[in-house]
Amino acid sequence: MSNSKKRIPFIAGNWKMNLTLNKVVPYLKQLTGHLPKPDQIETAIAASPLFLQTMIDYVRKHHLPLRVGAENCYYKDSGAYTGEVSPKALAEMGVHYVIVGHSERRKYFHESDHFINQKIRAVLRNHMYPIVCCDETMGRLGSGKPSKWVVTQVISALQHVPADQASRVTIAYEPSWAIGTGHSASPDEAEEGCYLIRHTLSDIYSDAIADRIRILYGGSVTPRNVSSLMKQTDIDGVLAGGSSLKPSTFLKLIKFRD
C-alpha cells in the first residue's frame, strides 16, 4: 500500500437526535459561501429523516457543496416494517450517504454484525454510499502462522460486498469509549486503529482498493484536536457528533488546515 495521502479529505457531521426542523435552514445558511469545493475537502451532514427533504431542497437551490446523509435505514426497500426507513425512498429523495452500524445503534438497538451487513448491501444496491462505523473490536490471530491484526466488524460488514463496490464504502473508526465522552483517542491511537483497518481492507480486497477507501475517525472530535488527527497517514477525515451541532464549530472542523 502507498503511504502517500491521495484521498480527498472528508469532514462529516452527525446530528443524531438533535435540532428541530425550524433550525435546519438557519444552520445551512451559515454554511453557505464558506464550504470548500468537493475536490478539495468533501463535507457531509447526516440528519434525521424528518430534516432530509428540507436539507436536500436547500442544497440544490443554493448549490451548496454539501452531501446530505441519513443516519440509518432498514435493509429492505419496502414492506410492513412500521417505523423503519426505506433505503429506496432515501435514494429517490437524493440522499447521498447513509451511516450504518453506529455504536449507538449497536448498543441501544442491539444491531448485529449480520444485520448491519444487510443494511450496507441495501445502501449499495440503491446507489448510495455507506459510512460504516466500527468499534475497536480487534483480535490477533495466530496458529503456527505469522500473527496479524484483524478488525472483525469490518470483515463482517463487507461480507458479500464485491471489489467493484468496495471503493464506495467509507469506514469510520469510532472507539465506543470515546463517543460522547469528551475523551478522544490520541492521534497515535486513532491512527493505529485506522492503520489496522486499512490493512484489513487490503487483506479482504487488495492494496489498490484499500488505498482508495477513506477511513474516518469518530469520537469526541473537536476543533482543538482535528488538525492533529488529520495529519495522520491513514486518517482521511472525521465523523463528528457534538461538534457538528453548531455551524460555527462545524466550519472550524472543515478549516482544519488553517
C-alpha atoms as a PDB file:
ATOM      1  CA  MET A   1       0.000   0.000   0.000  1.00  0.00           C
ATOM      2  CA  SER A   2       1.065   3.540  -0.669  1.00  0.00           C
ATOM      3  CA  ASN A   3       1.967   5.748   2.289  1.00  0.00           C
ATOM      4  CA  SER A   4       1.016   8.928   0.462  1.00  0.00           C
ATOM      5  CA  LYS A   5      -2.352  10.548   1.078  1.00  0.00           C
ATOM      6  CA  LYS A   6      -4.115  10.907  -2.258  1.00  0.00           C
ATOM      7  CA  ARG A   7      -7.631  10.521  -0.912  1.00  0.00           C
ATOM      8  CA  ILE A   8      -9.847  13.615  -0.687  1.00  0.00           C
ATOM      9  CA  PRO A   9     -10.323  14.663   2.975  1.00  0.00           C
ATOM     10  CA  PHE A  10     -13.841  14.073   4.266  1.00  0.00           C
ATOM     11  CA  ILE A  11     -15.416  16.003   7.157  1.00  0.00           C
ATOM     12  CA  ALA A  12     -18.824  14.602   8.138  1.00  0.00           C
ATOM     13  CA  GLY A  13     -21.278  15.673  10.818  1.00  0.00           C
ATOM     14  CA  ASN A  14     -23.842  13.502  12.551  1.00  0.00           C
ATOM     15  CA  TRP A  15     -26.619  15.479  14.226  1.00  0.00           C
ATOM     16  CA  LYS A  16     -28.105  12.383  15.905  1.00  0.00           C
ATOM     17  CA  MET A  17     -31.449  13.123  17.640  1.00  0.00           C
ATOM     18  CA  ASN A  18     -30.776  16.836  17.971  1.00  0.00           C
ATOM     19  CA  LEU A  19     -32.028  20.107  16.479  1.00  0.00           C
ATOM     20  CA  THR A  20     -35.546  20.719  15.185  1.00  0.00           C
ATOM     21  CA  LEU A  21     -36.848  21.434  11.706  1.00  0.00           C
ATOM     22  CA  ASN A  22     -37.009  25.193  12.217  1.00  0.00           C
ATOM     23  CA  LYS A  23     -33.245  25.252  12.886  1.00  0.00           C
ATOM     24  CA  VAL A  24     -32.176  23.422   9.737  1.00  0.00           C
ATOM     25  CA  VAL A  25     -32.305  26.243   7.182  1.00  0.00           C
ATOM     26  CA  PRO A  26     -30.692  28.833   9.517  1.00  0.00           C
ATOM     27  CA  TYR A  27     -27.877  26.324  10.095  1.00  0.00           C
ATOM     28  CA  LEU A  28     -27.350  25.748   6.362  1.00  0.00           C
ATOM     29  CA  LYS A  29     -27.419  29.493   5.687  1.00  0.00           C
ATOM     30  CA  GLN A  30     -24.411  29.896   7.959  1.00  0.00           C
ATOM     31  CA  LEU A  31     -22.518  27.322   5.882  1.00  0.00           C
ATOM     32  CA  THR A  32     -23.392  28.967   2.570  1.00  0.00           C
ATOM     33  CA  GLY A  33     -20.375  30.557   0.952  1.00  0.00           C
ATOM     34  CA  HIS A  34     -17.952  29.011   3.430  1.00  0.00           C
ATOM     35  CA  LEU A  35     -17.601  25.410   2.232  1.00  0.00           C
ATOM     36  CA  PRO A  36     -14.663  24.225   0.120  1.00  0.00           C
ATOM     37  CA  LYS A  37     -15.019  22.675  -3.297  1.00  0.00           C
ATOM     38  CA  PRO A  38     -15.721  18.912  -3.092  1.00  0.00           C
ATOM     39  CA  ASP A  39     -12.484  18.085  -4.913  1.00  0.00           C
ATOM     40  CA  GLN A  40     -10.557  19.831  -2.124  1.00  0.00           C
ATOM     41  CA  ILE A  41     -12.450  18.739   1.000  1.00  0.00           C
ATOM     42  CA  GLU A  42     -15.716  16.827   0.902  1.00  0.00           C
ATOM     43  CA  THR A  43     -18.312  17.733   3.531  1.00  0.00           C
ATOM     44  CA  ALA A  44     -21.486  15.997   4.634  1.00  0.00           C
ATOM     45  CA  ILE A  45     -24.113  16.136   7.347  1.00  0.00           C
ATOM     46  CA  ALA A  46     -26.224  13.158   8.359  1.00  0.00           C
ATOM     47  CA  ALA A  47     -29.549  14.029   9.949  1.00  0.00           C
ATOM     48  CA  SER A  48     -32.937  12.716  10.995  1.00  0.00           C
ATOM     49  CA  PRO A  49     -35.276  11.599   8.185  1.00  0.00           C
ATOM     50  CA  LEU A  50     -37.537  14.481   9.322  1.00  0.00           C
ATOM     51  CA  PHE A  51     -34.993  17.002   8.036  1.00  0.00           C
ATOM     52  CA  LEU A  52     -33.649  15.375   4.879  1.00  0.00           C
ATOM     53  CA  GLN A  53     -36.024  16.810   2.269  1.00  0.00           C
ATOM     54  CA  THR A  54     -35.574  20.338   3.631  1.00  0.00           C
ATOM     55  CA  MET A  55     -31.798  19.889   3.525  1.00  0.00           C
ATOM     56  CA  ILE A  56     -31.777  18.460   0.011  1.00  0.00           C
ATOM     57  CA  ASP A  57     -34.016  21.243  -1.289  1.00  0.00           C
ATOM     58  CA  TYR A  58     -31.760  23.916   0.226  1.00  0.00           C
ATOM     59  CA  VAL A  59     -28.557  22.300  -1.059  1.00  0.00           C
ATOM     60  CA  ARG A  60     -29.956  22.094  -4.587  1.00  0.00           C
ATOM     61  CA  LYS A  61     -31.404  25.592  -4.644  1.00  0.00           C
ATOM     62  CA  HIS A  62     -28.271  27.276  -3.340  1.00  0.00           C
ATOM     63  CA  HIS A  63     -25.720  24.939  -4.969  1.00  0.00           C
ATOM     64  CA  LEU A  64     -24.235  24.239  -1.561  1.00  0.00           C
ATOM     65  CA  PRO A  65     -21.275  21.815  -1.848  1.00  0.00           C
ATOM     66  CA  LEU A  66     -22.590  19.651   0.985  1.00  0.00           C
ATOM     67  CA  ARG A  67     -23.583  15.997   0.845  1.00  0.00           C
ATOM     68  CA  VAL A  68     -26.772  15.088   2.686  1.00  0.00           C
ATOM     69  CA  GLY A  69     -26.764  11.827   4.614  1.00  0.00           C
ATOM     70  CA  ALA A  70     -29.220   9.702   6.551  1.00  0.00           C
ATOM     71  CA  GLU A  71     -28.309   8.387   9.984  1.00  0.00           C
ATOM     72  CA  ASN A  72     -29.825   4.977   9.449  1.00  0.00           C
ATOM     73  CA  CYS A  73     -32.015   2.857   7.183  1.00  0.00           C
ATOM     74  CA  TYR A  74     -33.609  -0.577   7.029  1.00  0.00           C
ATOM     75  CA  TYR A  75     -32.278  -3.375   4.835  1.00  0.00           C
ATOM     76  CA  LYS A  76     -35.456  -3.870   2.788  1.00  0.00           C
ATOM     77  CA  ASP A  77     -36.822  -1.390   0.278  1.00  0.00           C
ATOM     78  CA  SER A  78     -40.467  -1.732   1.274  1.00  0.00           C
ATOM     79  CA  GLY A  79     -42.901  -3.775   3.328  1.00  0.00           C
ATOM     80  CA  ALA A  80     -44.757  -3.940   6.619  1.00  0.00           C
ATOM     81  CA  TYR A  81     -41.955  -2.549   8.776  1.00  0.00           C
ATOM     82  CA  THR A  82     -43.597   0.213  10.770  1.00  0.00           C
ATOM     83  CA  GLY A  83     -41.241   2.986  11.782  1.00  0.00           C
ATOM     84  CA  GLU A  84     -38.333   1.918   9.601  1.00  0.00           C
ATOM     85  CA  VAL A  85     -36.744   3.980   6.824  1.00  0.00           C
ATOM     86  CA  SER A  86     -36.638   2.629   3.277  1.00  0.00           C
ATOM     87  CA  PRO A  87     -33.256   2.862   1.531  1.00  0.00           C
ATOM     88  CA  LYS A  88     -35.062   3.074  -1.791  1.00  0.00           C
ATOM     89  CA  ALA A  89     -37.055   6.087  -0.574  1.00  0.00           C
ATOM     90  CA  LEU A  90     -33.866   7.747   0.685  1.00  0.00           C
ATOM     91  CA  ALA A  91     -32.195   7.260  -2.675  1.00  0.00           C
ATOM     92  CA  GLU A  92     -35.168   8.714  -4.551  1.00  0.00           C
ATOM     93  CA  MET A  93     -35.059  11.788  -2.283  1.00  0.00           C
ATOM     94  CA  GLY A  94     -31.475  12.397  -3.261  1.00  0.00           C
ATOM     95  CA  VAL A  95     -29.680  11.214  -0.117  1.00  0.00           C
ATOM     96  CA  HIS A  96     -26.012  10.541  -0.809  1.00  0.00           C
ATOM     97  CA  TYR A  97     -24.601   8.919   2.342  1.00  0.00           C
ATOM     98  CA  VAL A  98     -26.123   6.600   4.950  1.00  0.00           C
ATOM     99  CA  ILE A  99     -24.467   5.935   8.311  1.00  0.00           C
ATOM    100  CA  VAL A 100     -24.618   2.231   9.135  1.00  0.00           C
ATOM    101  CA  GLY A 101     -23.526   0.405  12.271  1.00  0.00           C
ATOM    102  CA  HIS A 102     -23.021   3.387  14.562  1.00  0.00           C
ATOM    103  CA  SER A 103     -22.003   2.295  18.061  1.00  0.00           C
ATOM    104  CA  GLU A 104     -25.238   3.743  19.464  1.00  0.00           C
ATOM    105  CA  ARG A 105     -27.277   1.564  17.098  1.00  0.00           C
ATOM    106  CA  ARG A 106     -25.250  -1.457  18.158  1.00  0.00           C
ATOM    107  CA  LYS A 107     -25.554  -0.654  21.870  1.00  0.00           C
ATOM    108  CA  TYR A 108     -29.105   0.653  22.287  1.00  0.00           C
ATOM    109  CA  PHE A 109     -30.856  -1.202  19.475  1.00  0.00           C
ATOM    110  CA  HIS A 110     -28.793  -4.403  19.573  1.00  0.00           C
ATOM    111  CA  GLU A 111     -27.914  -4.370  15.880  1.00  0.00           C
ATOM    112  CA  SER A 112     -25.815  -7.401  14.986  1.00  0.00           C
ATOM    113  CA  ASP A 113     -22.943  -7.574  12.528  1.00  0.00           C
ATOM    114  CA  HIS A 114     -25.131  -9.614  10.181  1.00  0.00           C
ATOM    115  CA  PHE A 115     -27.966  -7.070  10.315  1.00  0.00           C
ATOM    116  CA  ILE A 116     -25.514  -4.234   9.655  1.00  0.00           C
ATOM    117  CA  ASN A 117     -24.099  -6.113   6.676  1.00  0.00           C
ATOM    118  CA  GLN A 118     -27.615  -6.451   5.237  1.00  0.00           C
ATOM    119  CA  LYS A 119     -28.118  -2.697   5.542  1.00  0.00           C
ATOM    120  CA  ILE A 120     -24.782  -1.907   3.898  1.00  0.00           C
ATOM    121  CA  ARG A 121     -25.728  -4.044   0.916  1.00  0.00           C
ATOM    122  CA  ALA A 122     -29.134  -2.328   0.756  1.00  0.00           C
ATOM    123  CA  VAL A 123     -27.453   1.096   0.669  1.00  0.00           C
ATOM    124  CA  LEU A 124     -25.150  -0.005  -2.136  1.00  0.00           C
ATOM    125  CA  ARG A 125     -27.998  -1.666  -4.011  1.00  0.00           C
ATOM    126  CA  ASN A 126     -29.791   1.665  -4.030  1.00  0.00           C
ATOM    127  CA  HIS A 127     -26.735   3.506  -5.393  1.00  0.00           C
ATOM    128  CA  MET A 128     -25.933   5.391  -2.190  1.00  0.00           C
ATOM    129  CA  TYR A 129     -22.718   5.405  -0.196  1.00  0.00           C
ATOM    130  CA  PRO A 130     -22.493   3.777   3.252  1.00  0.00           C
ATOM    131  CA  ILE A 131     -20.421   5.222   6.071  1.00  0.00           C
ATOM    132  CA  VAL A 132     -19.736   2.065   8.048  1.00  0.00           C
ATOM    133  CA  CYS A 133     -18.915   2.565  11.719  1.00  0.00           C
ATOM    134  CA  CYS A 134     -16.784   0.060  13.585  1.00  0.00           C
ATOM    135  CA  ASP A 135     -15.616  -0.170  17.160  1.00  0.00           C
ATOM    136  CA  GLU A 136     -12.216  -1.259  18.410  1.00  0.00           C
ATOM    137  CA  THR A 137     -13.100  -4.949  18.280  1.00  0.00           C
ATOM    138  CA  MET A 138      -9.709  -6.204  17.177  1.00  0.00           C
ATOM    139  CA  GLY A 139      -8.118  -9.544  17.830  1.00  0.00           C
ATOM    140  CA  ARG A 140      -4.839 -11.157  16.979  1.00  0.00           C
ATOM    141  CA  LEU A 141      -4.986 -14.447  15.143  1.00  0.00           C
ATOM    142  CA  GLY A 142      -2.085 -16.884  15.107  1.00  0.00           C
ATOM    143  CA  SER A 143      -1.980 -20.646  14.730  1.00  0.00           C
ATOM    144  CA  GLY A 144       1.518 -21.526  13.666  1.00  0.00           C
ATOM    145  CA  LYS A 145       1.450 -18.702  11.129  1.00  0.00           C
ATOM    146  CA  PRO A 146       2.623 -15.112  11.497  1.00  0.00           C
ATOM    147  CA  SER A 147       0.168 -13.180  13.632  1.00  0.00           C
ATOM    148  CA  LYS A 148      -1.842 -10.422  12.057  1.00  0.00           C
ATOM    149  CA  TRP A 149      -4.413  -7.954  13.246  1.00  0.00           C
ATOM    150  CA  VAL A 150      -7.985  -8.233  12.089  1.00  0.00           C
ATOM    151  CA  VAL A 151     -10.862  -5.834  12.592  1.00  0.00           C
ATOM    152  CA  THR A 152     -13.748  -8.228  12.961  1.00  0.00           C
ATOM    153  CA  GLN A 153     -16.554  -5.712  12.492  1.00  0.00           C
ATOM    154  CA  VAL A 154     -15.034  -4.552   9.199  1.00  0.00           C
ATOM    155  CA  ILE A 155     -14.762  -8.114   7.940  1.00  0.00           C
ATOM    156  CA  SER A 156     -18.388  -8.820   8.864  1.00  0.00           C
ATOM    157  CA  ALA A 157     -19.574  -5.528   7.383  1.00  0.00           C
ATOM    158  CA  LEU A 158     -18.040  -6.246   3.990  1.00  0.00           C
ATOM    159  CA  GLN A 159     -19.282  -9.797   3.557  1.00  0.00           C
ATOM    160  CA  HIS A 160     -20.665 -10.202   0.007  1.00  0.00           C
ATOM    161  CA  VAL A 161     -19.608  -6.660  -0.935  1.00  0.00           C
ATOM    162  CA  PRO A 162     -17.746  -7.182  -4.226  1.00  0.00           C
ATOM    163  CA  ALA A 163     -14.479  -5.473  -5.002  1.00  0.00           C
ATOM    164  CA  ASP A 164     -16.034  -3.254  -7.657  1.00  0.00           C
ATOM    165  CA  GLN A 165     -18.297  -1.683  -4.998  1.00  0.00           C
ATOM    166  CA  ALA A 166     -15.829  -1.519  -2.118  1.00  0.00           C
ATOM    167  CA  SER A 167     -14.457   1.921  -3.002  1.00  0.00           C
ATOM    168  CA  ARG A 168     -17.973   3.350  -2.497  1.00  0.00           C
ATOM    169  CA  VAL A 169     -17.710   2.455   1.190  1.00  0.00           C
ATOM    170  CA  THR A 170     -16.307   4.808   3.832  1.00  0.00           C
ATOM    171  CA  ILE A 171     -15.184   3.286   7.135  1.00  0.00           C
ATOM    172  CA  ALA A 172     -15.465   5.256  10.379  1.00  0.00           C
ATOM    173  CA  TYR A 173     -13.339   4.027  13.273  1.00  0.00           C
ATOM    174  CA  GLU A 174     -15.089   5.054  16.483  1.00  0.00           C
ATOM    175  CA  PRO A 175     -13.891   3.555  19.768  1.00  0.00           C
ATOM    176  CA  SER A 176     -17.046   3.365  21.860  1.00  0.00           C
ATOM    177  CA  TRP A 177     -15.296   4.702  24.967  1.00  0.00           C
ATOM    178  CA  ALA A 178     -14.717   7.987  23.105  1.00  0.00           C
ATOM    179  CA  ILE A 179     -18.250   8.521  21.763  1.00  0.00           C
ATOM    180  CA  GLY A 180     -19.857  11.480  23.509  1.00  0.00           C
ATOM    181  CA  THR A 181     -17.491  11.250  26.473  1.00  0.00           C
ATOM    182  CA  GLY A 182     -15.207  14.165  25.731  1.00  0.00           C
ATOM    183  CA  HIS A 183     -12.252  11.758  25.850  1.00  0.00           C
ATOM    184  CA  SER A 184     -10.912  11.420  22.333  1.00  0.00           C
ATOM    185  CA  ALA A 185      -8.356   8.862  21.277  1.00  0.00           C
ATOM    186  CA  SER A 186      -4.914  10.392  20.902  1.00  0.00           C
ATOM    187  CA  PRO A 187      -3.785  10.968  17.309  1.00  0.00           C
ATOM    188  CA  ASP A 188      -1.471   7.956  17.616  1.00  0.00           C
ATOM    189  CA  GLU A 189      -4.252   5.721  18.984  1.00  0.00           C
ATOM    190  CA  ALA A 190      -6.655   6.870  16.264  1.00  0.00           C
ATOM    191  CA  GLU A 191      -4.008   6.304  13.600  1.00  0.00           C
ATOM    192  CA  GLU A 192      -3.322   2.795  14.896  1.00  0.00           C
ATOM    193  CA  GLY A 193      -6.997   1.867  14.563  1.00  0.00           C
ATOM    194  CA  CYS A 194      -7.253   3.320  11.062  1.00  0.00           C
ATOM    195  CA  TYR A 195      -3.974   1.695  10.017  1.00  0.00           C
ATOM    196  CA  LEU A 196      -5.240  -1.705  11.143  1.00  0.00           C
ATOM    197  CA  ILE A 197      -8.497  -1.156   9.290  1.00  0.00           C
ATOM    198  CA  ARG A 198      -6.669  -0.289   6.077  1.00  0.00           C
ATOM    199  CA  HIS A 199      -4.532  -3.413   6.327  1.00  0.00           C
ATOM    200  CA  THR A 200      -7.675  -5.464   6.901  1.00  0.00           C
ATOM    201  CA  LEU A 201      -9.192  -3.921   3.766  1.00  0.00           C
ATOM    202  CA  SER A 202      -6.048  -4.893   1.906  1.00  0.00           C
ATOM    203  CA  ASP A 203      -6.438  -8.474   3.125  1.00  0.00           C
ATOM    204  CA  ILE A 204     -10.081  -8.572   2.069  1.00  0.00           C
ATOM    205  CA  TYR A 205      -9.573  -6.950  -1.334  1.00  0.00           C
ATOM    206  CA  SER A 206      -6.189  -5.631  -2.443  1.00  0.00           C
ATOM    207  CA  ASP A 207      -3.668  -2.919  -1.665  1.00  0.00           C
ATOM    208  CA  ALA A 208      -5.014  -0.807  -4.517  1.00  0.00           C
ATOM    209  CA  ILE A 209      -8.595  -0.930  -3.235  1.00  0.00           C
ATOM    210  CA  ALA A 210      -7.504  -0.335   0.372  1.00  0.00           C
ATOM    211  CA  ASP A 211      -5.675   2.786  -0.802  1.00  0.00           C
ATOM    212  CA  ARG A 212      -8.883   4.162  -2.348  1.00  0.00           C
ATOM    213  CA  ILE A 213     -11.193   3.626   0.642  1.00  0.00           C
ATOM    214  CA  ARG A 214     -11.445   6.582   3.007  1.00  0.00           C
ATOM    215  CA  ILE A 215     -11.223   5.926   6.731  1.00  0.00           C
ATOM    216  CA  LEU A 216     -12.575   8.451   9.220  1.00  0.00           C
ATOM    217  CA  TYR A 217     -12.056   8.811  12.954  1.00  0.00           C
ATOM    218  CA  GLY A 218     -15.064   9.465  15.186  1.00  0.00           C
ATOM    219  CA  GLY A 219     -15.162  10.028  18.908  1.00  0.00           C
ATOM    220  CA  SER A 220     -15.120  13.400  20.697  1.00  0.00           C
ATOM    221  CA  VAL A 221     -13.685  15.219  17.677  1.00  0.00           C
ATOM    222  CA  THR A 222     -13.287  18.958  18.304  1.00  0.00           C
ATOM    223  CA  PRO A 223     -11.664  21.953  16.577  1.00  0.00           C
ATOM    224  CA  ARG A 224      -8.809  21.551  19.070  1.00  0.00           C
ATOM    225  CA  ASN A 225      -7.823  18.024  18.010  1.00  0.00           C
ATOM    226  CA  VAL A 226      -8.985  17.809  14.386  1.00  0.00           C
ATOM    227  CA  SER A 227      -5.781  19.186  12.882  1.00  0.00           C
ATOM    228  CA  SER A 228      -3.555  16.664  14.666  1.00  0.00           C
ATOM    229  CA  LEU A 229      -5.892  13.836  13.681  1.00  0.00           C
ATOM    230  CA  MET A 230      -5.911  14.893  10.039  1.00  0.00           C
ATOM    231  CA  LYS A 231      -2.099  14.839   9.906  1.00  0.00           C
ATOM    232  CA  GLN A 232      -2.080  11.072  10.392  1.00  0.00           C
ATOM    233  CA  THR A 233      -1.337   8.928   7.346  1.00  0.00           C
ATOM    234  CA  ASP A 234      -4.395   6.675   7.468  1.00  0.00           C
ATOM    235  CA  ILE A 235      -6.973   9.173   8.783  1.00  0.00           C
ATOM    236  CA  ASP A 236      -8.807  10.721   5.837  1.00  0.00           C
ATOM    237  CA  GLY A 237     -11.411  12.643   7.791  1.00  0.00           C
ATOM    238  CA  VAL A 238     -13.632  12.747  10.837  1.00  0.00           C
ATOM    239  CA  LEU A 239     -17.188  11.864  11.781  1.00  0.00           C
ATOM    240  CA  ALA A 240     -18.245  14.445  14.361  1.00  0.00           C
ATOM    241  CA  GLY A 241     -21.293  14.380  16.603  1.00  0.00           C
ATOM    242  CA  GLY A 242     -21.445  17.209  19.141  1.00  0.00           C
ATOM    243  CA  SER A 243     -19.052  19.388  17.150  1.00  0.00           C
ATOM    244  CA  SER A 244     -21.439  19.355  14.189  1.00  0.00           C
ATOM    245  CA  LEU A 245     -24.428  20.800  16.073  1.00  0.00           C
ATOM    246  CA  LYS A 246     -23.315  24.419  15.694  1.00  0.00           C
ATOM    247  CA  PRO A 247     -22.407  25.642  12.204  1.00  0.00           C
ATOM    248  CA  SER A 248     -19.568  27.783  13.531  1.00  0.00           C
ATOM    249  CA  THR A 249     -17.938  24.749  15.180  1.00  0.00           C
ATOM    250  CA  PHE A 250     -18.523  22.524  12.172  1.00  0.00           C
ATOM    251  CA  LEU A 251     -16.842  25.127   9.956  1.00  0.00           C
ATOM    252  CA  LYS A 252     -13.819  25.096  12.266  1.00  0.00           C
ATOM    253  CA  LEU A 253     -13.517  21.350  11.685  1.00  0.00           C
ATOM    254  CA  ILE A 254     -13.705  21.869   7.945  1.00  0.00           C
ATOM    255  CA  LYS A 255     -10.976  24.528   8.121  1.00  0.00           C
ATOM    256  CA  PHE A 256      -8.562  22.148   9.849  1.00  0.00           C
ATOM    257  CA  ARG A 257      -5.738  23.307   7.575  1.00  0.00           C
ATOM    258  CA  ASP A 258      -5.993  26.945   8.659  1.00  0.00           C
END
